Amino acid sequence: MNTIFDHFQVTPYTFLYVSRGEVYGNVIVDSVDAEGVFKLRNGQVTVNNQESVQSDATLHVKPSESFASVNMVGQGIRKDGLTYEIVGQTGGFNFDTNELEHYRLTLQRSDLVEEES
């Protein structure tokens, strides 16, 4: 059965583990290279039926990725030299097979700081 990864172009990105609220800002402490479906956006998204956030992009992530087992909200993505904060996460289920086929991440541009060695 086909998934979103079969119908749209899959491109490389880097998942960023972020330590939040450090002295120098939100600091990237680790990273993992992966591939997914990235789409630039421009608009508002409502979170929890209450809060509206800017959505600069979305990313469809394979559930088999090593980082997909954690809550990805608050972590980061690097794509084409730009960094994004993950502000939303939903699961994409195939209701015919009852299988999780992808995670859809809502991304907002953010300046993340590289950890100093």
N, C-alpha and C. Protein backbone atom coordinates (compact mmCIF):
# COMPACT_ATOMS: atom_id res chain seq x y z
N MET A 1 0.84 -1.18 0.00
CA MET A 1 0.00 0.00 0.00
C MET A 1 0.88 1.24 0.00
N ASN A 2 0.53 2.23 -0.78
CA ASN A 2 1.32 3.46 -0.92
C ASN A 2 1.09 4.40 0.26
N THR A 3 2.14 5.14 0.60
CA THR A 3 2.07 6.16 1.65
C THR A 3 2.45 7.50 1.05
N ILE A 4 2.43 8.54 1.87
CA ILE A 4 2.82 9.88 1.41
C ILE A 4 4.24 9.88 0.85
N PHE A 5 5.08 8.99 1.35
CA PHE A 5 6.48 8.93 0.92
C PHE A 5 6.61 8.36 -0.50
N ASP A 6 5.56 7.70 -0.97
CA ASP A 6 5.54 7.19 -2.34
C ASP A 6 4.99 8.21 -3.33
N HIS A 7 4.26 9.21 -2.84
CA HIS A 7 3.57 10.15 -3.72
C HIS A 7 4.23 11.52 -3.82
N PHE A 8 5.07 11.87 -2.85
CA PHE A 8 5.72 13.18 -2.84
C PHE A 8 7.23 13.00 -2.77
N GLN A 9 7.96 14.02 -3.21
CA GLN A 9 9.42 13.97 -3.20
C GLN A 9 9.94 13.90 -1.77
N VAL A 10 10.81 12.94 -1.51
CA VAL A 10 11.46 12.78 -0.21
C VAL A 10 12.80 13.49 -0.27
N THR A 11 13.06 14.36 0.73
CA THR A 11 14.30 15.14 0.75
C THR A 11 15.00 15.00 2.10
N PRO A 12 16.31 15.25 2.14
CA PRO A 12 17.04 15.14 3.40
C PRO A 12 16.78 16.33 4.33
N TYR A 13 16.84 16.07 5.62
CA TYR A 13 16.75 17.09 6.66
C TYR A 13 17.51 16.58 7.87
N THR A 14 17.69 17.42 8.86
CA THR A 14 18.35 17.01 10.10
C THR A 14 17.42 17.27 11.27
N PHE A 15 17.16 16.23 12.06
CA PHE A 15 16.39 16.38 13.29
C PHE A 15 17.33 16.87 14.37
N LEU A 16 16.92 17.89 15.12
CA LEU A 16 17.77 18.52 16.12
C LEU A 16 17.20 18.31 17.52
N TYR A 17 17.98 17.70 18.39
CA TYR A 17 17.60 17.63 19.81
C TYR A 17 17.98 18.96 20.43
N VAL A 18 17.04 19.59 21.13
CA VAL A 18 17.23 20.95 21.63
C VAL A 18 17.11 20.98 23.15
N SER A 19 18.07 21.63 23.80
CA SER A 19 17.99 21.92 25.22
C SER A 19 17.45 23.34 25.33
N ARG A 20 16.28 23.48 25.94
CA ARG A 20 15.56 24.75 25.93
C ARG A 20 15.95 25.64 27.11
N GLY A 21 15.96 26.96 26.86
CA GLY A 21 16.13 27.94 27.92
C GLY A 21 17.53 28.04 28.49
N GLU A 22 18.52 27.70 27.71
CA GLU A 22 19.90 27.83 28.17
C GLU A 22 20.30 29.31 28.19
N VAL A 23 21.44 29.61 28.74
CA VAL A 23 21.92 30.99 28.84
C VAL A 23 21.96 31.66 27.47
N TYR A 24 22.38 30.93 26.46
CA TYR A 24 22.52 31.51 25.12
C TYR A 24 21.31 31.21 24.23
N GLY A 25 20.22 30.75 24.81
CA GLY A 25 19.02 30.44 24.04
C GLY A 25 18.76 28.95 24.00
N ASN A 26 18.02 28.53 23.00
CA ASN A 26 17.72 27.12 22.81
C ASN A 26 18.88 26.50 22.04
N VAL A 27 19.55 25.53 22.70
CA VAL A 27 20.82 25.01 22.21
C VAL A 27 20.63 23.61 21.60
N ILE A 28 21.19 23.42 20.40
CA ILE A 28 21.20 22.11 19.74
C ILE A 28 22.24 21.24 20.44
N VAL A 29 21.80 20.10 21.00
CA VAL A 29 22.72 19.24 21.73
C VAL A 29 23.04 17.94 20.99
N ASP A 30 22.25 17.61 19.97
CA ASP A 30 22.51 16.40 19.19
C ASP A 30 21.70 16.51 17.90
N SER A 31 22.04 15.69 16.92
CA SER A 31 21.31 15.73 15.65
C SER A 31 21.31 14.37 14.98
N VAL A 32 20.32 14.15 14.11
CA VAL A 32 20.17 12.90 13.36
C VAL A 32 19.76 13.27 11.94
N ASP A 33 20.48 12.74 10.94
CA ASP A 33 20.10 12.96 9.54
C ASP A 33 18.99 11.99 9.15
N ALA A 34 18.03 12.48 8.37
CA ALA A 34 16.90 11.66 7.95
C ALA A 34 16.35 12.18 6.63
N GLU A 35 15.30 11.54 6.12
CA GLU A 35 14.62 11.97 4.92
C GLU A 35 13.12 11.97 5.16
N GLY A 36 12.44 12.95 4.58
CA GLY A 36 11.00 13.04 4.73
C GLY A 36 10.40 13.95 3.67
N VAL A 37 9.12 14.24 3.81
CA VAL A 37 8.41 15.10 2.87
C VAL A 37 8.27 16.47 3.52
N PHE A 38 8.99 17.45 2.97
CA PHE A 38 9.03 18.81 3.50
C PHE A 38 8.23 19.72 2.59
N LYS A 39 7.37 20.55 3.20
CA LYS A 39 6.56 21.49 2.41
C LYS A 39 6.59 22.85 3.09
N LEU A 40 6.98 23.88 2.32
CA LEU A 40 6.92 25.25 2.84
C LEU A 40 5.47 25.68 2.93
N ARG A 41 5.16 26.43 3.98
CA ARG A 41 3.80 26.92 4.22
C ARG A 41 3.88 28.40 4.57
N ASN A 42 2.73 29.03 4.65
CA ASN A 42 2.66 30.41 5.09
C ASN A 42 1.27 30.64 5.65
N GLY A 43 1.11 30.49 6.95
CA GLY A 43 -0.21 30.69 7.52
C GLY A 43 -0.26 30.37 8.99
N GLN A 44 -1.43 30.53 9.57
CA GLN A 44 -1.64 30.28 10.98
C GLN A 44 -2.23 28.88 11.16
N VAL A 45 -1.87 28.24 12.28
CA VAL A 45 -2.41 26.94 12.66
C VAL A 45 -2.92 27.07 14.08
N THR A 46 -4.10 26.51 14.34
CA THR A 46 -4.64 26.52 15.70
C THR A 46 -4.19 25.26 16.42
N VAL A 47 -3.64 25.43 17.62
CA VAL A 47 -3.15 24.32 18.43
C VAL A 47 -4.08 24.17 19.63
N ASN A 48 -4.53 22.96 19.90
CA ASN A 48 -5.41 22.66 21.03
C ASN A 48 -6.66 23.53 21.04
N ASN A 49 -7.17 23.89 19.87
CA ASN A 49 -8.37 24.71 19.71
C ASN A 49 -8.30 26.05 20.44
N GLN A 50 -7.11 26.51 20.81
CA GLN A 50 -6.97 27.73 21.58
C GLN A 50 -5.94 28.67 21.00
N GLU A 51 -4.77 28.19 20.76
CA GLU A 51 -3.62 29.02 20.43
C GLU A 51 -3.33 28.96 18.94
N SER A 52 -3.10 30.11 18.33
CA SER A 52 -2.70 30.15 16.92
C SER A 52 -1.20 30.37 16.84
N VAL A 53 -0.52 29.59 16.01
CA VAL A 53 0.91 29.75 15.81
C VAL A 53 1.18 29.87 14.32
N GLN A 54 2.28 30.52 13.99
CA GLN A 54 2.70 30.65 12.61
C GLN A 54 3.23 29.30 12.12
N SER A 55 2.78 28.86 10.97
CA SER A 55 3.27 27.64 10.36
C SER A 55 4.08 28.02 9.12
N ASP A 56 5.40 27.86 9.21
CA ASP A 56 6.28 28.19 8.09
C ASP A 56 6.52 26.99 7.19
N ALA A 57 6.32 25.78 7.73
CA ALA A 57 6.54 24.57 6.95
C ALA A 57 5.92 23.38 7.68
N THR A 58 5.75 22.29 6.93
CA THR A 58 5.37 21.02 7.54
C THR A 58 6.38 19.97 7.08
N LEU A 59 6.50 18.94 7.89
CA LEU A 59 7.40 17.84 7.57
C LEU A 59 6.72 16.53 7.92
N HIS A 60 6.67 15.62 6.97
CA HIS A 60 6.15 14.29 7.22
C HIS A 60 7.33 13.37 7.50
N VAL A 61 7.31 12.76 8.68
CA VAL A 61 8.42 11.96 9.19
C VAL A 61 8.01 10.48 9.21
N LYS A 62 8.93 9.63 8.84
CA LYS A 62 8.68 8.19 8.90
C LYS A 62 8.65 7.74 10.36
N PRO A 63 7.67 6.94 10.76
CA PRO A 63 7.59 6.49 12.15
C PRO A 63 8.74 5.56 12.55
N SER A 64 9.49 5.09 11.58
CA SER A 64 10.63 4.21 11.87
C SER A 64 11.89 4.98 12.28
N GLU A 65 11.87 6.32 12.19
CA GLU A 65 13.05 7.11 12.57
C GLU A 65 13.31 6.94 14.07
N SER A 66 14.58 6.93 14.45
CA SER A 66 14.97 6.69 15.85
C SER A 66 14.39 7.73 16.79
N PHE A 67 14.23 8.95 16.35
CA PHE A 67 13.74 10.03 17.20
C PHE A 67 12.21 10.08 17.27
N ALA A 68 11.52 9.29 16.44
CA ALA A 68 10.06 9.34 16.39
C ALA A 68 9.42 8.76 17.65
N SER A 69 10.18 8.12 18.49
CA SER A 69 9.63 7.54 19.72
C SER A 69 9.53 8.57 20.84
N VAL A 70 10.05 9.79 20.64
CA VAL A 70 9.98 10.84 21.65
C VAL A 70 8.94 11.88 21.23
N ASN A 71 8.50 12.70 22.18
CA ASN A 71 7.64 13.83 21.83
C ASN A 71 8.52 14.82 21.07
N MET A 72 8.21 15.04 19.83
CA MET A 72 9.06 15.87 18.99
C MET A 72 8.79 17.37 19.15
N VAL A 73 7.66 17.74 19.74
CA VAL A 73 7.34 19.15 19.95
C VAL A 73 8.40 19.78 20.85
N GLY A 74 8.94 20.92 20.42
CA GLY A 74 9.99 21.60 21.17
C GLY A 74 11.38 21.29 20.65
N GLN A 75 11.51 20.25 19.84
CA GLN A 75 12.79 19.93 19.23
C GLN A 75 12.91 20.75 17.94
N GLY A 76 13.89 20.45 17.10
CA GLY A 76 14.11 21.28 15.92
C GLY A 76 14.37 20.48 14.66
N ILE A 77 14.33 21.20 13.53
CA ILE A 77 14.64 20.65 12.21
C ILE A 77 15.55 21.64 11.50
N ARG A 78 16.57 21.11 10.81
CA ARG A 78 17.39 21.94 9.93
C ARG A 78 17.15 21.46 8.50
N LYS A 79 16.78 22.41 7.65
CA LYS A 79 16.52 22.09 6.24
C LYS A 79 17.03 23.24 5.40
N ASP A 80 17.89 22.94 4.44
CA ASP A 80 18.44 23.94 3.52
C ASP A 80 19.06 25.12 4.25
N GLY A 81 19.77 24.84 5.35
CA GLY A 81 20.48 25.88 6.09
C GLY A 81 19.63 26.68 7.06
N LEU A 82 18.32 26.43 7.11
CA LEU A 82 17.43 27.13 8.03
C LEU A 82 17.04 26.21 9.18
N THR A 83 16.80 26.80 10.35
CA THR A 83 16.35 26.00 11.49
C THR A 83 14.91 26.34 11.83
N TYR A 84 14.18 25.31 12.25
CA TYR A 84 12.77 25.41 12.58
C TYR A 84 12.54 24.75 13.94
N GLU A 85 11.61 25.31 14.71
CA GLU A 85 11.15 24.68 15.94
C GLU A 85 9.91 23.87 15.59
N ILE A 86 9.80 22.70 16.18
CA ILE A 86 8.61 21.87 15.99
C ILE A 86 7.55 22.35 16.98
N VAL A 87 6.44 22.90 16.47
CA VAL A 87 5.40 23.46 17.33
C VAL A 87 4.13 22.61 17.35
N GLY A 88 4.09 21.57 16.52
CA GLY A 88 2.94 20.68 16.51
C GLY A 88 3.30 19.32 15.95
N GLN A 89 2.61 18.29 16.43
CA GLN A 89 2.87 16.92 15.99
C GLN A 89 1.56 16.15 15.96
N THR A 90 1.26 15.52 14.82
CA THR A 90 0.10 14.65 14.73
C THR A 90 0.50 13.36 14.03
N GLY A 91 -0.22 12.30 14.33
CA GLY A 91 0.03 11.01 13.69
C GLY A 91 -0.87 10.83 12.49
N GLY A 92 -0.32 10.27 11.43
CA GLY A 92 -1.09 9.97 10.23
C GLY A 92 -1.36 8.49 10.16
N PHE A 93 -2.60 8.11 10.46
CA PHE A 93 -2.98 6.69 10.48
C PHE A 93 -3.67 6.30 9.18
N ASN A 94 -3.43 5.08 8.75
CA ASN A 94 -4.21 4.46 7.69
C ASN A 94 -5.31 3.70 8.42
N PHE A 95 -6.54 4.19 8.33
CA PHE A 95 -7.62 3.58 9.08
C PHE A 95 -8.07 2.25 8.50
N ASP A 96 -7.70 1.95 7.26
CA ASP A 96 -8.01 0.63 6.69
C ASP A 96 -7.14 -0.45 7.32
N THR A 97 -5.87 -0.12 7.57
CA THR A 97 -4.94 -1.10 8.13
C THR A 97 -4.66 -0.86 9.62
N ASN A 98 -5.14 0.27 10.14
CA ASN A 98 -4.90 0.68 11.53
C ASN A 98 -3.40 0.80 11.83
N GLU A 99 -2.63 1.26 10.84
CA GLU A 99 -1.19 1.43 11.01
C GLU A 99 -0.82 2.90 10.94
N LEU A 100 0.13 3.28 11.78
CA LEU A 100 0.69 4.63 11.74
C LEU A 100 1.63 4.71 10.54
N GLU A 101 1.33 5.61 9.60
CA GLU A 101 2.14 5.72 8.38
C GLU A 101 3.14 6.86 8.42
N HIS A 102 2.85 7.91 9.19
CA HIS A 102 3.77 9.05 9.28
C HIS A 102 3.38 9.92 10.47
N TYR A 103 4.31 10.80 10.83
CA TYR A 103 4.02 11.90 11.74
C TYR A 103 4.07 13.18 10.91
N ARG A 104 3.13 14.07 11.15
CA ARG A 104 3.13 15.38 10.47
C ARG A 104 3.54 16.42 11.50
N LEU A 105 4.67 17.08 11.24
CA LEU A 105 5.19 18.10 12.15
C LEU A 105 4.89 19.48 11.59
N THR A 106 4.41 20.37 12.46
CA THR A 106 4.22 21.77 12.10
C THR A 106 5.46 22.51 12.55
N LEU A 107 6.08 23.26 11.63
CA LEU A 107 7.36 23.91 11.89
C LEU A 107 7.23 25.43 11.85
N GLN A 108 7.98 26.07 12.73
CA GLN A 108 8.04 27.53 12.79
C GLN A 108 9.51 27.93 12.79
N ARG A 109 9.86 28.89 11.93
CA ARG A 109 11.26 29.35 11.86
C ARG A 109 11.72 29.78 13.24
N SER A 110 12.95 29.40 13.58
CA SER A 110 13.50 29.70 14.90
C SER A 110 15.01 29.74 14.81
N ASP A 111 15.61 30.61 15.59
CA ASP A 111 17.07 30.65 15.67
C ASP A 111 17.51 29.75 16.81
N LEU A 112 18.15 28.67 16.45
CA LEU A 112 18.67 27.72 17.43
C LEU A 112 20.17 27.87 17.48
N VAL A 113 20.75 27.71 18.66
CA VAL A 113 22.18 27.94 18.88
C VAL A 113 22.91 26.60 18.86
N GLU A 114 24.04 26.55 18.15
CA GLU A 114 24.87 25.35 18.13
C GLU A 114 25.56 25.21 19.48
N GLU A 115 25.61 23.98 20.00
CA GLU A 115 26.31 23.72 21.26
C GLU A 115 27.79 23.92 21.06
N GLU A 116 28.43 24.59 22.02
CA GLU A 116 29.88 24.82 21.94
C GLU A 116 30.61 23.59 22.43
N SER A 117 31.69 23.24 21.74
CA SER A 117 32.48 22.05 22.08
C SER A 117 33.39 22.32 23.24
